[in-house]
Amino acid sequence: MPKMKSHRGAAKRFKKTGTGKVVRMKSGKSHILTKKSRKRKRRLRKDAIASSADSKRLQLMLP
């Protein structure tokens, strides 16, 4: 049987942690940054854990 291919779009956006959770970056940090406060932009730097509903689908995309 051939190797499973990972979904390349998902592989660029998400990572799996050691425990199997899926990590994502927060949205809203790419443009229109002048009107956003420093505090808001600082919070957007940190990554977040994907929701359980999304992570079930992402497990299949990232073998």
Protein backbone atom coordinates (compact mmCIF):
# COMPACT_ATOMS: atom_id res chain seq x y z
CA MET A 1 0.00 0.00 0.00
CA PRO A 2 1.39 3.47 -0.86
CA LYS A 3 2.19 6.11 1.75
CA MET A 4 -0.62 8.35 2.97
CA LYS A 5 -0.34 11.89 1.66
CA SER A 6 -0.90 14.77 4.03
CA HIS A 7 -3.11 17.65 2.91
CA ARG A 8 -0.49 20.22 1.96
CA GLY A 9 -2.68 23.26 2.63
CA ALA A 10 -3.43 22.00 6.13
CA ALA A 11 0.20 21.01 6.74
CA LYS A 12 1.28 24.62 6.15
CA ARG A 13 -1.31 25.99 8.59
CA PHE A 14 -1.46 23.46 11.42
CA LYS A 15 0.96 21.45 13.56
CA LYS A 16 0.40 18.49 15.84
CA THR A 17 1.65 18.63 19.42
CA GLY A 18 3.23 15.72 21.22
CA THR A 19 -0.07 14.82 22.85
CA GLY A 20 -1.91 14.86 19.50
CA LYS A 21 -3.64 18.23 19.79
CA VAL A 22 -3.70 20.52 16.74
CA VAL A 23 -2.12 23.98 17.00
CA ARG A 24 -3.14 26.89 14.78
CA MET A 25 -2.18 30.54 14.45
CA LYS A 26 -4.72 33.23 15.28
CA SER A 27 -6.28 35.15 12.41
CA GLY A 28 -6.25 38.91 11.85
CA LYS A 29 -2.50 39.61 11.96
CA SER A 30 -1.75 39.99 8.25
CA HIS A 31 -2.99 43.46 7.29
CA ILE A 32 -5.00 46.51 8.49
CA LEU A 33 -2.86 46.62 11.62
CA THR A 34 -2.87 50.39 12.21
CA LYS A 35 -6.35 50.47 13.74
CA LYS A 36 -5.70 47.47 16.00
CA SER A 37 -4.33 48.17 19.46
CA ARG A 38 -0.88 47.04 20.62
CA LYS A 39 -2.48 44.77 23.15
CA ARG A 40 -4.65 43.09 20.50
CA LYS A 41 -1.72 42.57 18.11
CA ARG A 42 0.40 41.15 20.94
CA ARG A 43 -2.32 38.61 21.74
CA LEU A 44 -2.57 37.61 18.08
CA ARG A 45 1.10 36.53 18.10
CA LYS A 46 0.40 33.50 20.26
CA ASP A 47 -0.84 30.29 18.74
CA ALA A 48 -4.04 28.55 19.81
CA ILE A 49 -5.38 25.00 20.06
CA ALA A 50 -7.88 24.08 17.33
CA SER A 51 -11.39 23.27 18.51
CA SER A 52 -12.32 19.63 19.04
CA ALA A 53 -14.78 19.67 16.12
CA ASP A 54 -12.07 20.95 13.74
CA SER A 55 -9.31 18.76 15.15
CA LYS A 56 -11.22 15.59 14.25
CA ARG A 57 -11.15 16.60 10.59
CA LEU A 58 -7.55 17.80 10.82
CA GLN A 59 -6.38 14.43 12.19
CA LEU A 60 -7.36 12.90 8.84
CA MET A 61 -5.61 15.65 6.87
CA LEU A 62 -2.37 15.34 8.86
CA PRO A 63 -1.52 11.64 9.13
